């Protein structure tokens, strides 16, 4: 469960449960129980922030959450850690703990498969920046791995129409999830990768050179 402080500055915390305790990762009830559990964490943390006059925002999904603020005093961060560890029985994973100021050049926040980063805009001067939202590197890597598996040599005997339908189903689902922010660069990347994988597969099937027409897209 990550905790991130981050309109102007940020501190990310990831927590983990002791082995043999809690619910198994990927279990059917895990998201529901995590949501119930973190509801009370959000309630406690929000009340403490109000008491101290801090303006924070908490965004969570299942067992993932971020805390957003222009500033978070060390005292409040310590309170959050104490709440997680002493009141809720969780352990902060120090190896994955980091502070984030997403307005610093090159810094980004990854959350639920997306990357959030401030980039220079092409209008209104070089000093103008906008919040760029796009699929994370990890999300792109996972999608390429899935597409590679779907077009490996074991698929040589799958009829082309069936293969195309399977690929389109995978591509559409991925594109619909990441159809927020500015995903066009990532979409072109995945579209090009899909073309290359299909070319390799078709060459393997036919044992001869094969080229797709320029600009051909396999999003159907």
N, C-alpha and C. Protein backbone atom coordinates (compact mmCIF):
# COMPACT_ATOMS: atom_id res chain seq x y z
N UNK A 1 0.85 -1.19 0.00
CA UNK A 1 0.00 0.00 0.00
C UNK A 1 0.89 1.23 0.00
N UNK A 2 0.92 1.98 -1.08
CA UNK A 2 1.79 3.16 -1.12
C UNK A 2 1.13 4.38 -0.52
N UNK A 3 1.89 5.21 0.12
CA UNK A 3 1.41 6.51 0.58
C UNK A 3 2.28 7.56 -0.05
N UNK A 4 1.67 8.48 -0.72
CA UNK A 4 2.44 9.50 -1.43
C UNK A 4 1.96 10.88 -1.04
N UNK A 5 2.88 11.74 -0.72
CA UNK A 5 2.61 13.16 -0.49
C UNK A 5 3.03 13.84 -1.77
N UNK A 6 2.12 14.60 -2.42
CA UNK A 6 2.65 15.00 -3.67
C UNK A 6 2.10 16.05 -4.56
N UNK A 7 1.40 17.10 -4.18
CA UNK A 7 1.15 18.17 -5.13
C UNK A 7 2.47 18.85 -5.45
N UNK A 8 3.16 19.30 -4.42
CA UNK A 8 4.46 19.94 -4.59
C UNK A 8 5.59 19.06 -4.06
N UNK A 9 5.31 18.28 -3.04
CA UNK A 9 6.34 17.40 -2.51
C UNK A 9 5.67 16.12 -2.06
N UNK A 10 6.45 15.07 -1.93
CA UNK A 10 5.79 13.81 -1.64
C UNK A 10 6.63 12.83 -0.87
N UNK A 11 5.97 11.98 -0.11
CA UNK A 11 6.64 10.88 0.58
C UNK A 11 5.81 9.65 0.35
N UNK A 12 6.39 8.66 -0.27
CA UNK A 12 5.66 7.44 -0.56
C UNK A 12 6.01 6.38 0.46
N UNK A 13 5.00 5.71 0.98
CA UNK A 13 5.20 4.63 1.93
C UNK A 13 4.53 3.38 1.38
N UNK A 14 5.22 2.28 1.43
CA UNK A 14 4.61 1.01 1.09
C UNK A 14 4.62 0.13 2.33
N UNK A 15 3.50 -0.52 2.59
CA UNK A 15 3.41 -1.34 3.78
C UNK A 15 3.24 -2.79 3.39
N UNK A 16 3.64 -3.66 4.26
CA UNK A 16 3.48 -5.08 3.98
C UNK A 16 3.10 -5.80 5.26
N UNK A 17 2.38 -6.90 5.12
CA UNK A 17 1.96 -7.67 6.27
C UNK A 17 2.96 -8.79 6.52
N UNK A 18 3.02 -9.23 7.78
CA UNK A 18 3.89 -10.35 8.11
C UNK A 18 3.40 -11.61 7.43
N UNK A 19 4.33 -12.51 7.09
CA UNK A 19 3.97 -13.75 6.42
C UNK A 19 3.05 -14.57 7.32
N UNK A 20 2.07 -15.20 6.69
CA UNK A 20 1.15 -16.02 7.45
C UNK A 20 0.00 -15.25 8.06
N UNK A 21 -0.04 -13.93 7.83
CA UNK A 21 -1.11 -13.10 8.37
C UNK A 21 -1.81 -12.38 7.24
N UNK A 22 -3.04 -11.93 7.54
CA UNK A 22 -3.77 -11.16 6.55
C UNK A 22 -4.41 -12.04 5.49
N UNK A 23 -4.78 -11.43 4.36
CA UNK A 23 -5.42 -12.15 3.27
C UNK A 23 -4.41 -12.38 2.15
N UNK A 24 -4.54 -13.49 1.40
CA UNK A 24 -3.59 -13.76 0.32
C UNK A 24 -3.73 -12.76 -0.80
N UNK A 25 -2.59 -12.34 -1.37
CA UNK A 25 -2.62 -11.41 -2.49
C UNK A 25 -3.29 -12.06 -3.68
N UNK A 26 -4.23 -11.36 -4.29
CA UNK A 26 -4.96 -11.91 -5.42
C UNK A 26 -6.20 -12.69 -5.01
N UNK A 27 -6.44 -12.81 -3.70
CA UNK A 27 -7.62 -13.52 -3.24
C UNK A 27 -8.89 -12.77 -3.60
N UNK A 28 -10.01 -13.51 -3.69
CA UNK A 28 -11.28 -12.91 -4.11
C UNK A 28 -11.73 -11.83 -3.13
N UNK A 29 -11.53 -12.09 -1.83
CA UNK A 29 -12.01 -11.14 -0.82
C UNK A 29 -10.99 -10.07 -0.47
N UNK A 30 -9.77 -10.19 -0.96
CA UNK A 30 -8.71 -9.26 -0.58
C UNK A 30 -9.05 -7.79 -0.86
N UNK A 31 -9.53 -7.44 -2.08
CA UNK A 31 -9.85 -6.03 -2.35
C UNK A 31 -10.93 -5.48 -1.42
N UNK A 32 -11.96 -6.30 -1.14
CA UNK A 32 -13.05 -5.85 -0.27
C UNK A 32 -12.55 -5.61 1.15
N UNK A 33 -11.80 -6.58 1.69
CA UNK A 33 -11.29 -6.45 3.05
C UNK A 33 -10.30 -5.30 3.16
N UNK A 34 -9.46 -5.13 2.12
CA UNK A 34 -8.50 -4.02 2.12
C UNK A 34 -9.22 -2.68 2.12
N UNK A 35 -10.30 -2.61 1.35
CA UNK A 35 -11.07 -1.37 1.26
C UNK A 35 -11.71 -1.03 2.61
N UNK A 36 -12.26 -2.05 3.27
CA UNK A 36 -12.85 -1.84 4.59
C UNK A 36 -11.78 -1.40 5.58
N UNK A 37 -10.65 -2.07 5.54
CA UNK A 37 -9.54 -1.78 6.46
C UNK A 37 -9.03 -0.35 6.27
N UNK A 38 -8.82 0.02 5.00
CA UNK A 38 -8.26 1.34 4.72
C UNK A 38 -9.28 2.46 4.89
N UNK A 39 -10.56 2.10 4.93
CA UNK A 39 -11.58 3.11 5.21
C UNK A 39 -11.31 3.75 6.57
N UNK A 40 -10.95 2.92 7.55
CA UNK A 40 -10.68 3.44 8.89
C UNK A 40 -9.36 4.18 8.94
N UNK A 41 -8.40 3.72 8.15
CA UNK A 41 -7.14 4.46 8.07
C UNK A 41 -7.38 5.86 7.51
N UNK A 42 -8.19 5.95 6.46
CA UNK A 42 -8.51 7.25 5.87
C UNK A 42 -9.26 8.13 6.86
N UNK A 43 -10.18 7.53 7.60
CA UNK A 43 -10.96 8.28 8.59
C UNK A 43 -10.05 8.86 9.67
N UNK A 44 -9.16 8.03 10.21
CA UNK A 44 -8.24 8.47 11.27
C UNK A 44 -7.28 9.54 10.75
N UNK A 45 -6.71 9.29 9.57
CA UNK A 45 -5.72 10.20 9.00
C UNK A 45 -6.33 11.55 8.63
N UNK A 46 -7.52 11.53 8.03
CA UNK A 46 -8.19 12.77 7.64
C UNK A 46 -8.53 13.63 8.86
N UNK A 47 -9.00 12.98 9.92
CA UNK A 47 -9.34 13.72 11.14
C UNK A 47 -8.10 14.36 11.76
N UNK A 48 -6.99 13.63 11.75
CA UNK A 48 -5.75 14.17 12.30
C UNK A 48 -5.26 15.36 11.47
N UNK A 49 -5.40 15.25 10.14
CA UNK A 49 -4.99 16.35 9.26
C UNK A 49 -5.83 17.60 9.52
N UNK A 50 -7.15 17.41 9.68
CA UNK A 50 -8.02 18.56 9.97
C UNK A 50 -7.66 19.19 11.30
N UNK A 51 -7.35 18.36 12.28
CA UNK A 51 -7.00 18.87 13.61
C UNK A 51 -5.75 19.73 13.56
N UNK A 52 -4.84 19.39 12.64
CA UNK A 52 -3.59 20.13 12.52
C UNK A 52 -3.65 21.21 11.44
N UNK A 53 -4.83 21.36 10.81
CA UNK A 53 -4.98 22.40 9.80
C UNK A 53 -4.29 22.09 8.49
N UNK A 54 -4.13 20.81 8.17
CA UNK A 54 -3.47 20.41 6.93
C UNK A 54 -4.50 20.12 5.85
N UNK A 55 -4.22 20.57 4.64
CA UNK A 55 -5.09 20.32 3.50
C UNK A 55 -4.53 19.13 2.72
N UNK A 56 -5.13 17.96 2.89
CA UNK A 56 -4.64 16.76 2.22
C UNK A 56 -5.76 16.12 1.41
N UNK A 57 -5.38 15.28 0.48
CA UNK A 57 -6.32 14.47 -0.26
C UNK A 57 -5.85 13.03 -0.25
N UNK A 58 -6.75 12.10 -0.02
CA UNK A 58 -6.41 10.68 -0.01
C UNK A 58 -7.13 9.99 -1.16
N UNK A 59 -6.38 9.33 -2.00
CA UNK A 59 -6.95 8.57 -3.12
C UNK A 59 -6.57 7.12 -2.90
N UNK A 60 -7.56 6.22 -2.92
CA UNK A 60 -7.24 4.82 -2.68
C UNK A 60 -8.06 3.91 -3.58
N UNK A 61 -7.49 2.75 -3.84
CA UNK A 61 -8.18 1.72 -4.62
C UNK A 61 -7.71 0.38 -4.07
N UNK A 62 -8.65 -0.39 -3.52
CA UNK A 62 -8.32 -1.67 -2.88
C UNK A 62 -7.24 -1.42 -1.82
N UNK A 63 -6.06 -2.01 -1.99
CA UNK A 63 -5.01 -1.83 -0.97
C UNK A 63 -3.96 -0.81 -1.39
N UNK A 64 -4.23 -0.02 -2.40
CA UNK A 64 -3.31 1.04 -2.83
C UNK A 64 -3.89 2.40 -2.45
N UNK A 65 -3.06 3.29 -1.99
CA UNK A 65 -3.54 4.63 -1.69
C UNK A 65 -2.40 5.64 -1.81
N UNK A 66 -2.77 6.89 -2.06
CA UNK A 66 -1.82 7.99 -2.06
C UNK A 66 -2.38 9.11 -1.20
N UNK A 67 -1.49 9.80 -0.52
CA UNK A 67 -1.86 11.00 0.23
C UNK A 67 -1.23 12.18 -0.48
N UNK A 68 -2.05 13.12 -0.89
CA UNK A 68 -1.59 14.28 -1.67
C UNK A 68 -1.68 15.54 -0.82
N UNK A 69 -0.65 16.35 -0.89
CA UNK A 69 -0.64 17.61 -0.15
C UNK A 69 0.45 18.51 -0.69
N UNK A 70 0.30 19.81 -0.45
CA UNK A 70 1.36 20.74 -0.83
C UNK A 70 2.55 20.60 0.10
N UNK A 71 2.27 20.21 1.33
CA UNK A 71 3.35 19.95 2.28
C UNK A 71 2.83 19.01 3.37
N UNK A 72 3.70 18.15 3.85
CA UNK A 72 3.37 17.26 4.95
C UNK A 72 4.50 17.34 5.98
N UNK A 73 4.22 17.86 7.15
CA UNK A 73 5.25 17.93 8.18
C UNK A 73 5.72 16.54 8.59
N UNK A 74 6.95 16.46 9.04
CA UNK A 74 7.51 15.19 9.50
C UNK A 74 6.66 14.60 10.62
N UNK A 75 6.12 15.46 11.46
CA UNK A 75 5.28 15.00 12.57
C UNK A 75 4.06 14.24 12.06
N UNK A 76 3.47 14.73 10.95
CA UNK A 76 2.29 14.06 10.41
C UNK A 76 2.67 12.74 9.75
N UNK A 77 3.79 12.73 9.04
CA UNK A 77 4.26 11.48 8.43
C UNK A 77 4.50 10.43 9.50
N UNK A 78 5.09 10.84 10.62
CA UNK A 78 5.32 9.91 11.72
C UNK A 78 4.00 9.39 12.29
N UNK A 79 2.99 10.27 12.33
CA UNK A 79 1.67 9.85 12.81
C UNK A 79 1.08 8.79 11.88
N UNK A 80 1.22 9.00 10.58
CA UNK A 80 0.70 8.03 9.61
C UNK A 80 1.39 6.68 9.78
N UNK A 81 2.71 6.70 9.90
CA UNK A 81 3.45 5.46 10.07
C UNK A 81 3.05 4.76 11.37
N UNK A 82 2.88 5.53 12.43
CA UNK A 82 2.49 4.96 13.71
C UNK A 82 1.11 4.34 13.63
N UNK A 83 0.21 5.01 12.90
CA UNK A 83 -1.14 4.47 12.72
C UNK A 83 -1.10 3.15 11.97
N UNK A 84 -0.31 3.11 10.90
CA UNK A 84 -0.20 1.88 10.11
C UNK A 84 0.39 0.74 10.92
N UNK A 85 1.43 1.04 11.69
CA UNK A 85 2.17 -0.02 12.37
C UNK A 85 1.53 -0.42 13.70
N UNK A 86 1.18 0.55 14.53
CA UNK A 86 0.71 0.23 15.87
C UNK A 86 -0.79 -0.02 15.94
N UNK A 87 -1.57 0.79 15.23
CA UNK A 87 -3.02 0.64 15.32
C UNK A 87 -3.57 -0.37 14.33
N UNK A 88 -2.87 -0.54 13.19
CA UNK A 88 -3.39 -1.42 12.15
C UNK A 88 -2.54 -2.66 11.92
N UNK A 89 -1.41 -2.76 12.61
CA UNK A 89 -0.61 -3.98 12.54
C UNK A 89 0.13 -4.19 11.24
N UNK A 90 0.40 -3.13 10.50
CA UNK A 90 1.13 -3.23 9.24
C UNK A 90 2.58 -2.79 9.44
N UNK A 91 3.43 -3.19 8.51
CA UNK A 91 4.84 -2.83 8.58
C UNK A 91 5.22 -2.00 7.35
N UNK A 92 5.85 -0.87 7.57
CA UNK A 92 6.29 -0.02 6.46
C UNK A 92 7.50 -0.66 5.79
N UNK A 93 7.43 -0.86 4.49
CA UNK A 93 8.54 -1.42 3.73
C UNK A 93 9.53 -0.30 3.41
N UNK A 94 10.61 -0.25 4.18
CA UNK A 94 11.57 0.85 4.04
C UNK A 94 12.29 0.85 2.70
N UNK A 95 12.45 -0.33 2.10
CA UNK A 95 13.15 -0.41 0.82
C UNK A 95 12.38 0.29 -0.29
N UNK A 96 11.07 0.35 -0.15
CA UNK A 96 10.23 0.96 -1.18
C UNK A 96 9.65 2.30 -0.72
N UNK A 97 10.28 2.89 0.28
CA UNK A 97 9.83 4.18 0.79
C UNK A 97 10.60 5.30 0.10
N UNK A 98 9.90 6.29 -0.40
CA UNK A 98 10.57 7.40 -1.06
C UNK A 98 9.73 8.66 -0.96
N UNK A 99 10.38 9.78 -1.07
CA UNK A 99 9.71 11.07 -1.09
C UNK A 99 9.63 11.57 -2.52
N UNK A 100 8.50 12.15 -2.88
CA UNK A 100 8.28 12.56 -4.26
C UNK A 100 7.81 14.00 -4.32
N UNK A 101 8.49 14.79 -5.11
CA UNK A 101 8.02 16.12 -5.51
C UNK A 101 7.82 16.04 -7.02
N UNK A 102 6.59 15.82 -7.44
CA UNK A 102 6.36 15.55 -8.86
C UNK A 102 6.55 16.78 -9.74
N UNK A 103 6.75 17.95 -9.13
CA UNK A 103 7.02 19.14 -9.94
C UNK A 103 8.50 19.29 -10.25
N UNK A 104 9.33 18.47 -9.62
CA UNK A 104 10.75 18.49 -9.95
C UNK A 104 10.97 17.80 -11.29
N UNK A 105 11.91 18.30 -12.06
CA UNK A 105 12.18 17.74 -13.39
C UNK A 105 12.55 16.27 -13.28
N UNK A 106 11.89 15.46 -14.09
CA UNK A 106 12.22 14.04 -14.15
C UNK A 106 11.57 13.18 -13.08
N UNK A 107 10.86 13.79 -12.12
CA UNK A 107 10.22 13.01 -11.07
C UNK A 107 8.80 12.66 -11.49
N UNK A 108 8.37 11.46 -11.14
CA UNK A 108 7.03 11.03 -11.51
C UNK A 108 6.46 10.13 -10.42
N UNK A 109 5.16 10.01 -10.43
CA UNK A 109 4.44 9.15 -9.50
C UNK A 109 3.73 8.07 -10.29
N UNK A 110 3.94 6.82 -9.95
CA UNK A 110 3.25 5.70 -10.58
C UNK A 110 2.15 5.21 -9.64
N UNK A 111 0.93 5.12 -10.18
CA UNK A 111 -0.21 4.69 -9.36
C UNK A 111 -1.23 4.03 -10.26
N UNK A 112 -1.59 2.79 -9.93
CA UNK A 112 -2.60 2.02 -10.66
C UNK A 112 -2.29 1.92 -12.15
N UNK A 113 -1.02 1.75 -12.48
CA UNK A 113 -0.62 1.55 -13.86
C UNK A 113 -0.32 2.82 -14.62
N UNK A 114 -0.65 3.97 -14.06
CA UNK A 114 -0.40 5.26 -14.69
C UNK A 114 0.85 5.91 -14.11
N UNK A 115 1.48 6.76 -14.91
CA UNK A 115 2.54 7.65 -14.44
C UNK A 115 2.02 9.08 -14.48
N UNK A 116 2.33 9.83 -13.44
CA UNK A 116 1.95 11.24 -13.34
C UNK A 116 3.24 12.05 -13.26
N UNK A 117 3.40 12.99 -14.20
CA UNK A 117 4.65 13.74 -14.28
C UNK A 117 4.38 15.12 -14.88
N UNK A 118 5.05 16.13 -14.35
CA UNK A 118 4.93 17.47 -14.92
C UNK A 118 5.94 17.62 -16.06
N UNK A 119 5.43 17.94 -17.25
CA UNK A 119 6.27 18.14 -18.43
C UNK A 119 6.08 19.55 -18.98
N UNK A 120 7.04 19.97 -19.77
CA UNK A 120 6.94 21.29 -20.40
C UNK A 120 5.89 21.26 -21.50
N UNK A 121 5.07 22.29 -21.52
CA UNK A 121 4.08 22.40 -22.57
C UNK A 121 4.69 23.00 -23.82
N UNK A 122 4.03 22.82 -24.95
CA UNK A 122 4.55 23.35 -26.21
C UNK A 122 3.98 24.74 -26.50
N UNK A 123 3.07 25.19 -25.63
CA UNK A 123 2.47 26.51 -25.81
C UNK A 123 2.77 27.39 -24.60
N UNK A 124 2.67 28.70 -24.79
CA UNK A 124 2.76 29.69 -23.71
C UNK A 124 4.12 29.71 -23.02
N UNK A 125 5.19 29.43 -23.76
CA UNK A 125 6.53 29.56 -23.20
C UNK A 125 7.06 28.27 -22.60
N UNK A 126 8.38 28.22 -22.50
CA UNK A 126 9.05 27.02 -22.01
C UNK A 126 8.82 26.79 -20.52
N UNK A 127 8.48 27.85 -19.80
CA UNK A 127 8.28 27.70 -18.36
C UNK A 127 6.92 27.09 -18.02
N UNK A 128 6.02 27.05 -19.00
CA UNK A 128 4.70 26.49 -18.76
C UNK A 128 4.78 24.97 -18.66
N UNK A 129 4.19 24.41 -17.61
CA UNK A 129 4.20 22.96 -17.42
C UNK A 129 2.77 22.45 -17.23
N UNK A 130 2.56 21.21 -17.61
CA UNK A 130 1.25 20.59 -17.43
C UNK A 130 1.45 19.20 -16.82
N UNK A 131 0.41 18.69 -16.17
CA UNK A 131 0.49 17.37 -15.57
C UNK A 131 0.24 16.32 -16.64
N UNK A 132 1.27 15.62 -17.01
CA UNK A 132 1.19 14.58 -18.03
C UNK A 132 0.78 13.26 -17.36
N UNK A 133 -0.25 12.64 -17.88
CA UNK A 133 -0.75 11.37 -17.35
C UNK A 133 -0.70 10.34 -18.47
N UNK A 134 0.00 9.24 -18.25
CA UNK A 134 0.21 8.27 -19.32
C UNK A 134 0.51 6.90 -18.71
N UNK A 135 0.39 5.81 -19.51
CA UNK A 135 0.71 4.48 -19.00
C UNK A 135 2.16 4.40 -18.52
N UNK A 136 2.37 3.78 -17.38
CA UNK A 136 3.72 3.68 -16.81
C UNK A 136 4.59 2.72 -17.62
N UNK A 137 5.90 2.80 -17.40
CA UNK A 137 6.83 1.89 -18.08
C UNK A 137 6.51 0.44 -17.74
N UNK A 138 6.13 0.20 -16.50
CA UNK A 138 5.80 -1.16 -16.08
C UNK A 138 4.56 -1.67 -16.81
N UNK A 139 3.57 -0.79 -17.01
CA UNK A 139 2.36 -1.17 -17.74
C UNK A 139 2.67 -1.50 -19.19
N UNK A 140 3.54 -0.70 -19.82
CA UNK A 140 3.95 -0.97 -21.20
C UNK A 140 4.69 -2.30 -21.29
N UNK A 141 5.57 -2.56 -20.33
CA UNK A 141 6.33 -3.80 -20.33
C UNK A 141 5.41 -5.00 -20.20
N UNK A 142 4.44 -4.93 -19.30
CA UNK A 142 3.51 -6.05 -19.11
C UNK A 142 2.67 -6.28 -20.36
N UNK A 143 2.23 -5.20 -21.01
CA UNK A 143 1.44 -5.36 -22.23
C UNK A 143 2.26 -5.99 -23.34
N UNK A 144 3.51 -5.56 -23.50
CA UNK A 144 4.37 -6.16 -24.52
C UNK A 144 4.61 -7.64 -24.24
N UNK A 145 4.77 -7.99 -22.98
CA UNK A 145 4.97 -9.40 -22.61
C UNK A 145 3.74 -10.23 -22.98
N UNK A 146 2.55 -9.69 -22.74
CA UNK A 146 1.32 -10.41 -23.09
C UNK A 146 1.19 -10.57 -24.60
N UNK A 147 1.49 -9.50 -25.34
CA UNK A 147 1.40 -9.56 -26.80
C UNK A 147 2.43 -10.52 -27.38
N UNK A 148 3.61 -10.55 -26.78
CA UNK A 148 4.65 -11.48 -27.23
C UNK A 148 4.21 -12.92 -27.04
N UNK A 149 3.59 -13.19 -25.90
CA UNK A 149 3.10 -14.55 -25.64
C UNK A 149 1.99 -14.92 -26.60
N UNK A 150 1.15 -13.95 -26.95
CA UNK A 150 0.02 -14.21 -27.85
C UNK A 150 0.46 -14.39 -29.29
N UNK A 151 1.71 -14.01 -29.61
CA UNK A 151 2.20 -14.11 -31.00
C UNK A 151 3.49 -14.93 -31.08
N UNK A 152 3.73 -15.78 -30.09
CA UNK A 152 4.96 -16.58 -30.14
C UNK A 152 4.78 -17.77 -31.09
N UNK A 153 5.81 -18.59 -31.22
CA UNK A 153 5.80 -19.68 -32.21
C UNK A 153 4.73 -20.72 -31.96
N UNK A 154 4.21 -20.78 -30.74
CA UNK A 154 3.15 -21.74 -30.44
C UNK A 154 1.82 -21.34 -31.08
N UNK A 155 1.74 -20.10 -31.58
CA UNK A 155 0.51 -19.62 -32.21
C UNK A 155 0.54 -19.78 -33.73
N UNK A 156 1.54 -20.47 -34.24
CA UNK A 156 1.69 -20.60 -35.70
C UNK A 156 0.51 -21.30 -36.36
N UNK A 157 -0.17 -22.15 -35.63
CA UNK A 157 -1.26 -22.93 -36.22
C UNK A 157 -2.63 -22.36 -35.89
N UNK A 158 -2.66 -21.22 -35.22
CA UNK A 158 -3.93 -20.55 -34.94
C UNK A 158 -4.36 -19.78 -36.19
N UNK A 159 -5.59 -19.98 -36.68
CA UNK A 159 -6.05 -19.23 -37.86
C UNK A 159 -5.91 -17.72 -37.65
N UNK A 160 -5.47 -17.03 -38.69
CA UNK A 160 -5.22 -15.59 -38.59
C UNK A 160 -6.44 -14.81 -38.09
N UNK A 161 -7.66 -15.05 -38.60
CA UNK A 161 -8.82 -14.29 -38.11
C UNK A 161 -9.04 -14.46 -36.60
N UNK A 162 -8.83 -15.67 -36.11
CA UNK A 162 -9.00 -15.91 -34.67
C UNK A 162 -7.92 -15.18 -33.88
N UNK A 163 -6.69 -15.23 -34.38
CA UNK A 163 -5.58 -14.55 -33.71
C UNK A 163 -5.82 -13.04 -33.66
N UNK A 164 -6.28 -12.47 -34.77
CA UNK A 164 -6.55 -11.04 -34.83
C UNK A 164 -7.63 -10.65 -33.83
N UNK A 165 -8.68 -11.48 -33.72
CA UNK A 165 -9.75 -11.18 -32.76
C UNK A 165 -9.22 -11.19 -31.33
N UNK A 166 -8.36 -12.16 -31.02
CA UNK A 166 -7.79 -12.24 -29.67
C UNK A 166 -6.91 -11.02 -29.38
N UNK A 167 -6.11 -10.64 -30.37
CA UNK A 167 -5.25 -9.47 -30.19
C UNK A 167 -6.07 -8.20 -30.02
N UNK A 168 -7.11 -8.05 -30.84
CA UNK A 168 -7.95 -6.87 -30.74
C UNK A 168 -8.64 -6.79 -29.38
N UNK A 169 -9.06 -7.94 -28.87
CA UNK A 169 -9.71 -7.96 -27.56
C UNK A 169 -8.73 -7.48 -26.48
N UNK A 170 -7.49 -7.96 -26.57
CA UNK A 170 -6.47 -7.56 -25.61
C UNK A 170 -6.13 -6.07 -25.75
N UNK A 171 -5.96 -5.62 -26.99
CA UNK A 171 -5.60 -4.23 -27.25
C UNK A 171 -6.71 -3.27 -26.85
N UNK A 172 -7.95 -3.64 -27.15
CA UNK A 172 -9.08 -2.77 -26.80
C UNK A 172 -9.22 -2.62 -25.30
N UNK A 173 -9.12 -3.75 -24.59
CA UNK A 173 -9.24 -3.68 -23.13
C UNK A 173 -8.16 -2.81 -22.52
N UNK A 174 -6.94 -2.96 -23.01
CA UNK A 174 -5.82 -2.16 -22.51
C UNK A 174 -6.01 -0.68 -22.83
N UNK A 175 -6.44 -0.41 -24.07
CA UNK A 175 -6.64 0.98 -24.50
C UNK A 175 -7.78 1.65 -23.73
N UNK A 176 -8.83 0.91 -23.43
CA UNK A 176 -9.94 1.49 -22.69
C UNK A 176 -9.53 1.85 -21.27
N UNK A 177 -8.72 1.01 -20.64
CA UNK A 177 -8.27 1.32 -19.29
C UNK A 177 -7.36 2.55 -19.27
N UNK A 178 -6.51 2.66 -20.27
CA UNK A 178 -5.54 3.77 -20.30
C UNK A 178 -6.00 4.93 -21.19
N UNK A 179 -7.30 5.03 -21.42
CA UNK A 179 -7.82 6.09 -22.28
C UNK A 179 -8.07 7.38 -21.50
N UNK A 180 -7.17 7.71 -20.62
CA UNK A 180 -7.25 8.95 -19.85
C UNK A 180 -5.90 9.65 -19.92
N UNK A 181 -5.93 10.95 -19.78
CA UNK A 181 -4.68 11.69 -19.85
C UNK A 181 -4.18 11.83 -21.27
N UNK A 182 -2.90 11.50 -21.47
CA UNK A 182 -2.25 11.67 -22.77
C UNK A 182 -1.55 10.36 -23.17
N UNK A 183 -2.33 9.36 -23.60
CA UNK A 183 -1.75 8.04 -23.87
C UNK A 183 -1.29 7.82 -25.30
N UNK A 184 -1.35 8.83 -26.17
CA UNK A 184 -1.12 8.61 -27.60
C UNK A 184 0.27 8.03 -27.89
N UNK A 185 1.30 8.50 -27.19
CA UNK A 185 2.66 7.98 -27.42
C UNK A 185 2.72 6.51 -27.06
N UNK A 186 2.13 6.15 -25.93
CA UNK A 186 2.11 4.74 -25.50
C UNK A 186 1.31 3.89 -26.48
N UNK A 187 0.20 4.42 -26.97
CA UNK A 187 -0.61 3.67 -27.93
C UNK A 187 0.17 3.40 -29.22
N UNK A 188 0.90 4.40 -29.70
CA UNK A 188 1.71 4.20 -30.90
C UNK A 188 2.80 3.15 -30.65
N UNK A 189 3.37 3.20 -29.47
CA UNK A 189 4.41 2.23 -29.10
C UNK A 189 3.86 0.81 -29.14
N UNK A 190 2.70 0.60 -28.53
CA UNK A 190 2.10 -0.74 -28.49
C UNK A 190 1.63 -1.16 -29.87
N UNK A 191 1.08 -0.22 -30.64
CA UNK A 191 0.62 -0.54 -31.99
C UNK A 191 1.78 -0.99 -32.88
N UNK A 192 2.91 -0.29 -32.78
CA UNK A 192 4.10 -0.66 -33.55
C UNK A 192 4.63 -2.02 -33.11
N UNK A 193 4.63 -2.25 -31.81
CA UNK A 193 5.12 -3.53 -31.30
C UNK A 193 4.24 -4.68 -31.79
N UNK A 194 2.92 -4.46 -31.83
CA UNK A 194 1.99 -5.48 -32.32
C UNK A 194 2.26 -5.80 -33.78
N UNK A 195 2.49 -4.77 -34.59
CA UNK A 195 2.80 -4.98 -36.01
C UNK A 195 4.06 -5.83 -36.16
N UNK A 196 5.09 -5.48 -35.41
CA UNK A 196 6.36 -6.22 -35.50
C UNK A 196 6.15 -7.67 -35.11
N UNK A 197 5.41 -7.91 -34.03
CA UNK A 197 5.18 -9.28 -33.58
C UNK A 197 4.39 -10.08 -34.63
N UNK A 198 3.43 -9.44 -35.27
CA UNK A 198 2.66 -10.14 -36.31
C UNK A 198 3.51 -10.43 -37.53
N UNK A 199 4.38 -9.50 -37.89
CA UNK A 199 5.29 -9.73 -39.02
C UNK A 199 6.18 -10.93 -38.74
N UNK A 200 6.73 -10.99 -37.53
CA UNK A 200 7.59 -12.11 -37.16
C UNK A 200 6.82 -13.42 -37.23
N UNK A 201 5.60 -13.41 -36.71
CA UNK A 201 4.78 -14.63 -36.71
C UNK A 201 4.42 -15.06 -38.12
N UNK A 202 4.03 -14.10 -38.97
CA UNK A 202 3.64 -14.44 -40.33
C UNK A 202 4.84 -14.93 -41.14
N UNK A 203 6.01 -14.35 -40.92
CA UNK A 203 7.22 -14.83 -41.59
C UNK A 203 7.54 -16.25 -41.16
N UNK A 204 7.35 -16.53 -39.89
CA UNK A 204 7.62 -17.87 -39.39
C UNK A 204 6.64 -18.88 -39.99
N UNK A 205 5.39 -18.45 -40.16
CA UNK A 205 4.37 -19.36 -40.72
C UNK A 205 4.60 -19.61 -42.20
N UNK A 206 4.97 -18.56 -42.91
CA UNK A 206 5.09 -18.69 -44.37
C UNK A 206 6.50 -18.99 -44.83
N UNK A 207 7.48 -18.78 -43.91
CA UNK A 207 8.90 -18.98 -44.25
C UNK A 207 9.36 -18.05 -45.37
N UNK A 208 8.73 -16.87 -45.45
CA UNK A 208 9.16 -15.89 -46.44
C UNK A 208 8.90 -14.48 -45.90
N UNK A 209 9.49 -13.49 -46.57
CA UNK A 209 9.35 -12.11 -46.13
C UNK A 209 7.89 -11.68 -46.18
N UNK A 210 7.50 -10.86 -45.22
CA UNK A 210 6.13 -10.35 -45.18
C UNK A 210 6.15 -8.91 -44.68
N UNK A 211 5.42 -8.05 -45.35
CA UNK A 211 5.35 -6.66 -44.93
C UNK A 211 3.89 -6.23 -44.82
N UNK A 212 3.61 -5.43 -43.80
CA UNK A 212 2.28 -4.83 -43.70
C UNK A 212 2.30 -3.51 -44.45
N UNK A 213 1.13 -3.04 -44.85
CA UNK A 213 1.04 -1.75 -45.52
C UNK A 213 1.36 -0.64 -44.53
N UNK A 214 1.91 0.45 -45.02
CA UNK A 214 2.28 1.57 -44.16
C UNK A 214 1.07 2.09 -43.39
N UNK A 215 1.28 2.32 -42.10
CA UNK A 215 0.22 2.88 -41.28
C UNK A 215 -0.84 1.90 -40.87
N UNK A 216 -0.64 0.60 -41.17
CA UNK A 216 -1.63 -0.40 -40.81
C UNK A 216 -1.77 -0.49 -39.30
N UNK A 217 -2.99 -0.48 -38.81
CA UNK A 217 -3.23 -0.59 -37.38
C UNK A 217 -4.00 -1.86 -37.09
N UNK A 218 -3.66 -2.51 -36.00
CA UNK A 218 -4.35 -3.74 -35.63
C UNK A 218 -5.35 -3.51 -34.51
N UNK A 219 -5.65 -2.23 -34.21
CA UNK A 219 -6.77 -1.93 -33.34
C UNK A 219 -8.02 -2.00 -34.22
N UNK A 220 -8.93 -2.89 -33.94
CA UNK A 220 -10.08 -3.04 -34.81
C UNK A 220 -11.38 -2.64 -34.16
